[in-house]
Amino acid sequence: MRTVAVVLAGGSGRRFGSDRPKQMRALAGRNLIEHCVQAFDKAPVVDAVLVVVAPDIEDDVRRAVADYGKVAGVILGGPSRTDSTRQAIGWLTTAMRTGADPAEPDSEDWKVLFHDAARPLVDQRTIADVAAALDEWLAVSVVVPSADTIVEVADGAIRRVLARDALARCQTPQGFRLSVIRRAYELADADPGFASIPATDDCGVVLRYLPDVRVGVVRGSERNLKITYAVDLAVAQALLEYPDETG
């Protein structure tokens, strides 16, 4: 079964506080998108990489990833995370059904790993674990246990303290069988109320529209941080100065 990694880089990164999208900011000589593409390009379990970008950075991204042999396409995303995922699903479905690069025709299904371009330090162990988990599960999320006590807040006060041993923070990549994530989005598109309750990730779409599909989990890494604010780049730079024991 083919495994395709999708690097989602269609957002504007407004919280980063820069005129240039955060995914194009430099980290150790490469922009964040290129760091992600490089990680998946060298992953033995990944057969191809698809990059989903905003229109204003398309040309720059094409130049940045031109030398990576597994890059099968650079396509335009949409105004939201879910819009960009839809674009990727459409491209992948067409490629699978027509036999366009990167797969042969009449493939039964593909494994798809959706990854945020804002997570440039994804490691090889995490990528391999998600791909392997898709042999057992139809949908998989990467999680790390919460080291902090999490509380529910309402009207400026703590309403209740949540049980920490049942809580985890989600990371990417999130993995799916293509047929499953495509069906989840078909149901979402048919729901007039989908837009009124925004989905922050793709596992949330599956949980909402395919409740019978159990979402498995694999252990993530504290190194796999999300670049949201400018200070996060400094943290990522510091992490790069230390060896990654997970590969």
C-alpha atoms as a PDB file:
ATOM      1  CA  MET A   1       0.000   0.000   0.000  1.00  0.00           C
ATOM      2  CA  ARG A   2       1.391   3.393  -1.014  1.00  0.00           C
ATOM      3  CA  THR A   3       2.153   6.004   1.652  1.00  0.00           C
ATOM      4  CA  VAL A   4       1.905   9.679   0.717  1.00  0.00           C
ATOM      5  CA  ALA A   5       2.837  12.528   3.033  1.00  0.00           C
ATOM      6  CA  VAL A   6       0.915  15.794   2.642  1.00  0.00           C
ATOM      7  CA  VAL A   7       2.607  18.930   3.956  1.00  0.00           C
ATOM      8  CA  LEU A   8      -0.091  21.518   4.656  1.00  0.00           C
ATOM      9  CA  ALA A   9       1.289  25.026   4.205  1.00  0.00           C
ATOM     10  CA  GLY A  10      -1.721  26.995   3.067  1.00  0.00           C
ATOM     11  CA  GLY A  11      -2.234  29.188   6.139  1.00  0.00           C
ATOM     12  CA  SER A  12      -1.260  32.794   6.677  1.00  0.00           C
ATOM     13  CA  GLY A  13       0.288  32.412  10.151  1.00  0.00           C
ATOM     14  CA  ARG A  14      -1.179  35.676  11.428  1.00  0.00           C
ATOM     15  CA  ARG A  15      -0.300  34.971  15.061  1.00  0.00           C
ATOM     16  CA  PHE A  16       3.373  34.847  14.140  1.00  0.00           C
ATOM     17  CA  GLY A  17       3.452  38.626  13.791  1.00  0.00           C
ATOM     18  CA  SER A  18       5.152  38.913  10.402  1.00  0.00           C
ATOM     19  CA  ASP A  19       4.165  40.070   6.931  1.00  0.00           C
ATOM     20  CA  ARG A  20       5.661  36.883   5.502  1.00  0.00           C
ATOM     21  CA  PRO A  21       3.875  33.577   6.169  1.00  0.00           C
ATOM     22  CA  LYS A  22       5.548  31.780   9.058  1.00  0.00           C
ATOM     23  CA  GLN A  23       6.017  28.611   7.016  1.00  0.00           C
ATOM     24  CA  MET A  24       8.477  30.542   4.834  1.00  0.00           C
ATOM     25  CA  ARG A  25      10.587  31.752   7.754  1.00  0.00           C
ATOM     26  CA  ALA A  26      14.144  30.479   7.871  1.00  0.00           C
ATOM     27  CA  LEU A  27      15.360  27.915  10.381  1.00  0.00           C
ATOM     28  CA  ALA A  28      18.965  26.734  10.114  1.00  0.00           C
ATOM     29  CA  GLY A  29      19.201  27.802   6.471  1.00  0.00           C
ATOM     30  CA  ARG A  30      15.905  26.316   5.248  1.00  0.00           C
ATOM     31  CA  ASN A  31      12.326  27.520   5.430  1.00  0.00           C
ATOM     32  CA  LEU A  32       9.920  25.538   7.598  1.00  0.00           C
ATOM     33  CA  ILE A  33       8.230  23.878   4.620  1.00  0.00           C
ATOM     34  CA  GLU A  34      11.534  22.576   3.326  1.00  0.00           C
ATOM     35  CA  HIS A  35      12.402  21.107   6.723  1.00  0.00           C
ATOM     36  CA  CYS A  36       9.139  19.133   6.626  1.00  0.00           C
ATOM     37  CA  VAL A  37       9.580  18.024   3.023  1.00  0.00           C
ATOM     38  CA  GLN A  38      13.139  16.909   3.752  1.00  0.00           C
ATOM     39  CA  ALA A  39      11.981  14.774   6.695  1.00  0.00           C
ATOM     40  CA  PHE A  40       9.369  12.946   4.618  1.00  0.00           C
ATOM     41  CA  ASP A  41      11.624  12.742   1.562  1.00  0.00           C
ATOM     42  CA  LYS A  42      14.209  10.757   3.500  1.00  0.00           C
ATOM     43  CA  ALA A  43      11.666   8.573   5.337  1.00  0.00           C
ATOM     44  CA  PRO A  44      11.866   5.011   3.946  1.00  0.00           C
ATOM     45  CA  VAL A  45       8.150   4.418   4.603  1.00  0.00           C
ATOM     46  CA  VAL A  46       7.054   7.402   2.480  1.00  0.00           C
ATOM     47  CA  ASP A  47       6.637   6.925  -1.261  1.00  0.00           C
ATOM     48  CA  ALA A  48       5.672  10.463  -2.265  1.00  0.00           C
ATOM     49  CA  VAL A  49       5.169  13.953  -0.872  1.00  0.00           C
ATOM     50  CA  LEU A  50       2.443  16.439  -1.793  1.00  0.00           C
ATOM     51  CA  VAL A  51       2.781  20.075  -0.703  1.00  0.00           C
ATOM     52  CA  VAL A  52      -0.301  22.280  -0.306  1.00  0.00           C
ATOM     53  CA  VAL A  53       0.464  26.017  -0.322  1.00  0.00           C
ATOM     54  CA  ALA A  54      -1.037  29.483  -0.382  1.00  0.00           C
ATOM     55  CA  PRO A  55      -0.983  31.238  -3.786  1.00  0.00           C
ATOM     56  CA  ASP A  56       1.463  33.950  -2.725  1.00  0.00           C
ATOM     57  CA  ILE A  57       4.209  31.459  -1.866  1.00  0.00           C
ATOM     58  CA  GLU A  58       3.641  28.868  -4.590  1.00  0.00           C
ATOM     59  CA  ASP A  59       6.584  29.878  -6.784  1.00  0.00           C
ATOM     60  CA  ASP A  60       8.975  30.130  -3.841  1.00  0.00           C
ATOM     61  CA  VAL A  61       7.957  26.709  -2.570  1.00  0.00           C
ATOM     62  CA  ARG A  62       8.311  25.086  -5.964  1.00  0.00           C
ATOM     63  CA  ARG A  63      11.892  26.346  -6.157  1.00  0.00           C
ATOM     64  CA  ALA A  64      12.663  25.289  -2.585  1.00  0.00           C
ATOM     65  CA  VAL A  65      11.478  21.688  -3.012  1.00  0.00           C
ATOM     66  CA  ALA A  66      12.521  21.125  -6.632  1.00  0.00           C
ATOM     67  CA  ASP A  67      15.459  18.884  -5.730  1.00  0.00           C
ATOM     68  CA  TYR A  68      13.551  16.496  -3.476  1.00  0.00           C
ATOM     69  CA  GLY A  69      12.879  13.352  -5.464  1.00  0.00           C
ATOM     70  CA  LYS A  70       9.699  12.265  -3.687  1.00  0.00           C
ATOM     71  CA  VAL A  71       7.804  15.516  -4.258  1.00  0.00           C
ATOM     72  CA  ALA A  72       4.936  14.534  -6.549  1.00  0.00           C
ATOM     73  CA  GLY A  73       3.202  17.902  -6.654  1.00  0.00           C
ATOM     74  CA  VAL A  74       2.797  21.396  -5.244  1.00  0.00           C
ATOM     75  CA  ILE A  75      -0.853  22.465  -5.268  1.00  0.00           C
ATOM     76  CA  LEU A  76      -2.879  25.396  -4.017  1.00  0.00           C
ATOM     77  CA  GLY A  77      -4.791  25.104  -0.771  1.00  0.00           C
ATOM     78  CA  GLY A  78      -7.785  27.010   0.530  1.00  0.00           C
ATOM     79  CA  PRO A  79      -8.525  29.724   3.078  1.00  0.00           C
ATOM     80  CA  SER A  80      -8.829  27.232   5.973  1.00  0.00           C
ATOM     81  CA  ARG A  81      -7.060  24.082   7.137  1.00  0.00           C
ATOM     82  CA  THR A  82     -10.000  21.913   6.118  1.00  0.00           C
ATOM     83  CA  ASP A  83     -10.139  23.567   2.687  1.00  0.00           C
ATOM     84  CA  SER A  84      -6.500  22.666   2.115  1.00  0.00           C
ATOM     85  CA  THR A  85      -7.143  19.097   3.220  1.00  0.00           C
ATOM     86  CA  ARG A  86     -10.023  18.887   0.718  1.00  0.00           C
ATOM     87  CA  GLN A  87      -7.706  20.013  -2.080  1.00  0.00           C
ATOM     88  CA  ALA A  88      -5.195  17.342  -1.127  1.00  0.00           C
ATOM     89  CA  ILE A  89      -7.855  14.623  -0.958  1.00  0.00           C
ATOM     90  CA  GLY A  90      -9.061  15.564  -4.434  1.00  0.00           C
ATOM     91  CA  TRP A  91      -5.558  15.464  -5.887  1.00  0.00           C
ATOM     92  CA  LEU A  92      -4.740  12.152  -4.234  1.00  0.00           C
ATOM     93  CA  THR A  93      -8.010  10.545  -5.294  1.00  0.00           C
ATOM     94  CA  THR A  94      -7.441  11.533  -8.911  1.00  0.00           C
ATOM     95  CA  ALA A  95      -3.852  10.291  -8.794  1.00  0.00           C
ATOM     96  CA  MET A  96      -4.869   6.946  -7.324  1.00  0.00           C
ATOM     97  CA  ARG A  97      -7.739   6.362  -9.733  1.00  0.00           C
ATOM     98  CA  THR A  98      -5.908   7.413 -12.884  1.00  0.00           C
ATOM     99  CA  GLY A  99      -2.515   5.992 -12.093  1.00  0.00           C
ATOM    100  CA  ALA A 100      -0.903   9.431 -12.250  1.00  0.00           C
ATOM    101  CA  ASP A 101       2.361   9.827 -10.440  1.00  0.00           C
ATOM    102  CA  PRO A 102       3.157   8.672  -7.775  1.00  0.00           C
ATOM    103  CA  ALA A 103       1.200   5.377  -7.963  1.00  0.00           C
ATOM    104  CA  GLU A 104       0.145   2.669 -10.304  1.00  0.00           C
ATOM    105  CA  PRO A 105      -3.475   2.380 -11.493  1.00  0.00           C
ATOM    106  CA  ASP A 106      -6.139   0.422  -9.656  1.00  0.00           C
ATOM    107  CA  SER A 107      -4.527   0.760  -6.236  1.00  0.00           C
ATOM    108  CA  GLU A 108      -6.868  -0.490  -3.513  1.00  0.00           C
ATOM    109  CA  ASP A 109      -6.166   2.348  -1.073  1.00  0.00           C
ATOM    110  CA  TRP A 110      -3.378   4.605   0.131  1.00  0.00           C
ATOM    111  CA  LYS A 111      -2.003   5.616   3.479  1.00  0.00           C
ATOM    112  CA  VAL A 112      -1.963   9.408   3.805  1.00  0.00           C
ATOM    113  CA  LEU A 113      -0.028  11.376   6.428  1.00  0.00           C
ATOM    114  CA  PHE A 114      -1.200  14.984   6.896  1.00  0.00           C
ATOM    115  CA  HIS A 115       1.450  17.203   8.467  1.00  0.00           C
ATOM    116  CA  ASP A 116       1.460  20.866   9.457  1.00  0.00           C
ATOM    117  CA  ALA A 117       4.269  22.842   7.827  1.00  0.00           C
ATOM    118  CA  ALA A 118       4.572  24.702  11.137  1.00  0.00           C
ATOM    119  CA  ARG A 119       6.115  21.554  12.696  1.00  0.00           C
ATOM    120  CA  PRO A 120       9.585  21.481  11.086  1.00  0.00           C
ATOM    121  CA  LEU A 121      11.234  19.098  13.572  1.00  0.00           C
ATOM    122  CA  VAL A 122       9.143  15.988  12.942  1.00  0.00           C
ATOM    123  CA  ASP A 123      11.392  12.962  13.407  1.00  0.00           C
ATOM    124  CA  GLN A 124      11.800   9.699  11.548  1.00  0.00           C
ATOM    125  CA  ARG A 125      10.533   7.546  14.422  1.00  0.00           C
ATOM    126  CA  THR A 126       7.214   9.417  14.512  1.00  0.00           C
ATOM    127  CA  ILE A 127       6.755   9.189  10.744  1.00  0.00           C
ATOM    128  CA  ALA A 128       7.496   5.455  10.756  1.00  0.00           C
ATOM    129  CA  ASP A 129       5.200   4.806  13.722  1.00  0.00           C
ATOM    130  CA  VAL A 130       2.225   6.571  12.116  1.00  0.00           C
ATOM    131  CA  ALA A 131       2.676   4.720   8.835  1.00  0.00           C
ATOM    132  CA  ALA A 132       2.996   1.380  10.638  1.00  0.00           C
ATOM    133  CA  ALA A 133      -0.074   2.067  12.800  1.00  0.00           C
ATOM    134  CA  LEU A 134      -2.168   2.439   9.644  1.00  0.00           C
ATOM    135  CA  ASP A 135      -1.743  -1.295   9.089  1.00  0.00           C
ATOM    136  CA  GLU A 136      -4.019  -1.764  12.118  1.00  0.00           C
ATOM    137  CA  TRP A 137      -6.026   1.478  12.346  1.00  0.00           C
ATOM    138  CA  LEU A 138      -7.986   3.436   9.736  1.00  0.00           C
ATOM    139  CA  ALA A 139      -7.072   6.740  11.381  1.00  0.00           C
ATOM    140  CA  VAL A 140      -4.144   7.650  13.638  1.00  0.00           C
ATOM    141  CA  SER A 141      -3.124  10.688  15.665  1.00  0.00           C
ATOM    142  CA  VAL A 142       0.210  11.578  17.248  1.00  0.00           C
ATOM    143  CA  VAL A 143      -0.142  12.546  20.902  1.00  0.00           C
ATOM    144  CA  VAL A 144       2.039  13.523  23.849  1.00  0.00           C
ATOM    145  CA  PRO A 145       0.866  13.277  27.455  1.00  0.00           C
ATOM    146  CA  SER A 146       0.081  16.531  29.203  1.00  0.00           C
ATOM    147  CA  ALA A 147       2.651  17.434  31.852  1.00  0.00           C
ATOM    148  CA  ASP A 148       0.449  20.263  33.084  1.00  0.00           C
ATOM    149  CA  THR A 149      -2.778  20.163  35.027  1.00  0.00           C
ATOM    150  CA  ILE A 150      -5.595  21.105  32.622  1.00  0.00           C
ATOM    151  CA  VAL A 151      -8.649  22.977  33.841  1.00  0.00           C
ATOM    152  CA  GLU A 152     -11.953  23.976  32.302  1.00  0.00           C
ATOM    153  CA  VAL A 153     -12.531  27.733  32.604  1.00  0.00           C
ATOM    154  CA  ALA A 154     -15.790  29.669  32.287  1.00  0.00           C
ATOM    155  CA  ASP A 155     -16.606  33.287  33.129  1.00  0.00           C
ATOM    156  CA  GLY A 156     -13.080  33.933  34.334  1.00  0.00           C
ATOM    157  CA  ALA A 157     -13.056  31.111  36.879  1.00  0.00           C
ATOM    158  CA  ILE A 158     -12.047  27.449  37.000  1.00  0.00           C
ATOM    159  CA  ARG A 159     -15.064  25.238  36.562  1.00  0.00           C
ATOM    160  CA  ARG A 160     -13.337  21.906  37.064  1.00  0.00           C
ATOM    161  CA  VAL A 161      -9.954  20.195  37.028  1.00  0.00           C
ATOM    162  CA  LEU A 162      -9.706  17.534  34.322  1.00  0.00           C
ATOM    163  CA  ALA A 163      -8.116  14.141  34.884  1.00  0.00           C
ATOM    164  CA  ARG A 164      -4.597  14.554  33.524  1.00  0.00           C
ATOM    165  CA  ASP A 165      -3.966  10.851  32.934  1.00  0.00           C
ATOM    166  CA  ALA A 166      -6.717  10.836  30.285  1.00  0.00           C
ATOM    167  CA  LEU A 167      -5.498  13.959  28.457  1.00  0.00           C
ATOM    168  CA  ALA A 168      -2.925  14.395  25.718  1.00  0.00           C
ATOM    169  CA  ARG A 169      -1.787  17.069  23.262  1.00  0.00           C
ATOM    170  CA  CYS A 170      -2.182  16.332  19.565  1.00  0.00           C
ATOM    171  CA  GLN A 171       0.606  16.716  17.026  1.00  0.00           C
ATOM    172  CA  THR A 172       1.020  15.848  13.374  1.00  0.00           C
ATOM    173  CA  PRO A 173       1.363  13.904  11.162  1.00  0.00           C
ATOM    174  CA  GLN A 174      -2.121  12.473  11.428  1.00  0.00           C
ATOM    175  CA  GLY A 175      -2.555   9.370   9.334  1.00  0.00           C
ATOM    176  CA  PHE A 176      -5.556   7.967   7.471  1.00  0.00           C
ATOM    177  CA  ARG A 177      -6.546   5.476   4.859  1.00  0.00           C
ATOM    178  CA  LEU A 178      -7.435   7.707   1.922  1.00  0.00           C
ATOM    179  CA  SER A 179     -10.869   6.119   1.560  1.00  0.00           C
ATOM    180  CA  VAL A 180     -11.683   6.970   5.182  1.00  0.00           C
ATOM    181  CA  ILE A 181     -10.632  10.625   5.220  1.00  0.00           C
ATOM    182  CA  ARG A 182     -12.325  11.129   1.838  1.00  0.00           C
ATOM    183  CA  ARG A 183     -15.611   9.732   3.178  1.00  0.00           C
ATOM    184  CA  ALA A 184     -15.399  11.880   6.311  1.00  0.00           C
ATOM    185  CA  TYR A 185     -15.045  15.020   4.206  1.00  0.00           C
ATOM    186  CA  GLU A 186     -17.855  13.959   1.879  1.00  0.00           C
ATOM    187  CA  LEU A 187     -20.152  13.802   4.907  1.00  0.00           C
ATOM    188  CA  ALA A 188     -18.807  17.100   6.220  1.00  0.00           C
ATOM    189  CA  ASP A 189     -19.477  18.774   2.869  1.00  0.00           C
ATOM    190  CA  ALA A 190     -23.061  17.527   2.984  1.00  0.00           C
ATOM    191  CA  ASP A 191     -23.585  19.010   6.456  1.00  0.00           C
ATOM    192  CA  PRO A 192     -24.764  22.668   6.373  1.00  0.00           C
ATOM    193  CA  GLY A 193     -23.632  23.050   9.969  1.00  0.00           C
ATOM    194  CA  PHE A 194     -20.031  21.972   9.429  1.00  0.00           C
ATOM    195  CA  ALA A 195     -18.684  25.498   8.982  1.00  0.00           C
ATOM    196  CA  SER A 196     -20.364  26.726  12.163  1.00  0.00           C
ATOM    197  CA  ILE A 197     -18.238  24.365  14.289  1.00  0.00           C
ATOM    198  CA  PRO A 198     -14.743  24.632  12.806  1.00  0.00           C
ATOM    199  CA  ALA A 199     -12.544  21.539  12.868  1.00  0.00           C
ATOM    200  CA  THR A 200      -9.021  22.216  14.094  1.00  0.00           C
ATOM    201  CA  ASP A 201      -7.604  18.970  12.728  1.00  0.00           C
ATOM    202  CA  ASP A 202      -8.522  16.089  10.453  1.00  0.00           C
ATOM    203  CA  CYS A 203      -8.998  13.502  13.195  1.00  0.00           C
ATOM    204  CA  GLY A 204     -11.750  15.758  14.516  1.00  0.00           C
ATOM    205  CA  VAL A 205     -13.561  15.481  11.176  1.00  0.00           C
ATOM    206  CA  VAL A 206     -13.355  11.690  11.293  1.00  0.00           C
ATOM    207  CA  LEU A 207     -14.561  11.541  14.910  1.00  0.00           C
ATOM    208  CA  ARG A 208     -17.487  13.833  14.076  1.00  0.00           C
ATOM    209  CA  TYR A 209     -18.705  12.177  10.885  1.00  0.00           C
ATOM    210  CA  LEU A 210     -17.464   8.596  11.180  1.00  0.00           C
ATOM    211  CA  PRO A 211     -18.049   7.824  14.868  1.00  0.00           C
ATOM    212  CA  ASP A 212     -17.649   4.090  14.278  1.00  0.00           C
ATOM    213  CA  VAL A 213     -14.039   4.609  13.143  1.00  0.00           C
ATOM    214  CA  ARG A 214     -11.693   4.385  16.108  1.00  0.00           C
ATOM    215  CA  VAL A 215      -8.718   6.739  15.961  1.00  0.00           C
ATOM    216  CA  GLY A 216      -5.542   5.080  17.166  1.00  0.00           C
ATOM    217  CA  VAL A 217      -2.671   6.954  18.783  1.00  0.00           C
ATOM    218  CA  VAL A 218       1.103   6.805  18.648  1.00  0.00           C
ATOM    219  CA  ARG A 219       3.481   8.565  21.006  1.00  0.00           C
ATOM    220  CA  GLY A 220       4.798  11.890  19.748  1.00  0.00           C
ATOM    221  CA  SER A 221       7.845  13.924  20.726  1.00  0.00           C
ATOM    222  CA  GLU A 222       8.339  17.147  22.639  1.00  0.00           C
ATOM    223  CA  ARG A 223      10.749  18.167  19.873  1.00  0.00           C
ATOM    224  CA  ASN A 224       7.897  18.164  17.364  1.00  0.00           C
ATOM    225  CA  LEU A 225       6.765  21.610  18.448  1.00  0.00           C
ATOM    226  CA  LYS A 226       4.480  23.867  16.444  1.00  0.00           C
ATOM    227  CA  ILE A 227       5.873  27.227  15.352  1.00  0.00           C
ATOM    228  CA  THR A 228       3.089  29.615  16.304  1.00  0.00           C
ATOM    229  CA  TYR A 229       4.903  32.673  17.687  1.00  0.00           C
ATOM    230  CA  ALA A 230       8.260  34.224  16.849  1.00  0.00           C
ATOM    231  CA  VAL A 231       9.801  32.922  20.066  1.00  0.00           C
ATOM    232  CA  ASP A 232       9.058  29.353  18.911  1.00  0.00           C
ATOM    233  CA  LEU A 233      11.682  29.745  16.182  1.00  0.00           C
ATOM    234  CA  ALA A 234      14.304  30.387  18.833  1.00  0.00           C
ATOM    235  CA  VAL A 235      13.198  27.266  20.692  1.00  0.00           C
ATOM    236  CA  ALA A 236      13.377  25.207  17.484  1.00  0.00           C
ATOM    237  CA  GLN A 237      16.853  26.565  16.754  1.00  0.00           C
ATOM    238  CA  ALA A 238      18.000  25.558  20.230  1.00  0.00           C
ATOM    239  CA  LEU A 239      16.574  22.058  19.779  1.00  0.00           C
ATOM    240  CA  LEU A 240      18.477  21.649  16.525  1.00  0.00           C
ATOM    241  CA  GLU A 241      21.717  22.126  18.447  1.00  0.00           C
ATOM    242  CA  TYR A 242      21.035  18.929  20.396  1.00  0.00           C
ATOM    243  CA  PRO A 243      21.003  15.464  18.798  1.00  0.00           C
ATOM    244  CA  ASP A 244      17.621  13.898  18.149  1.00  0.00           C
ATOM    245  CA  GLU A 245      17.806  10.510  19.855  1.00  0.00           C
ATOM    246  CA  THR A 246      14.607   9.313  18.141  1.00  0.00           C
ATOM    247  CA  GLY A 247      16.063   9.653  14.619  1.00  0.00           C
END
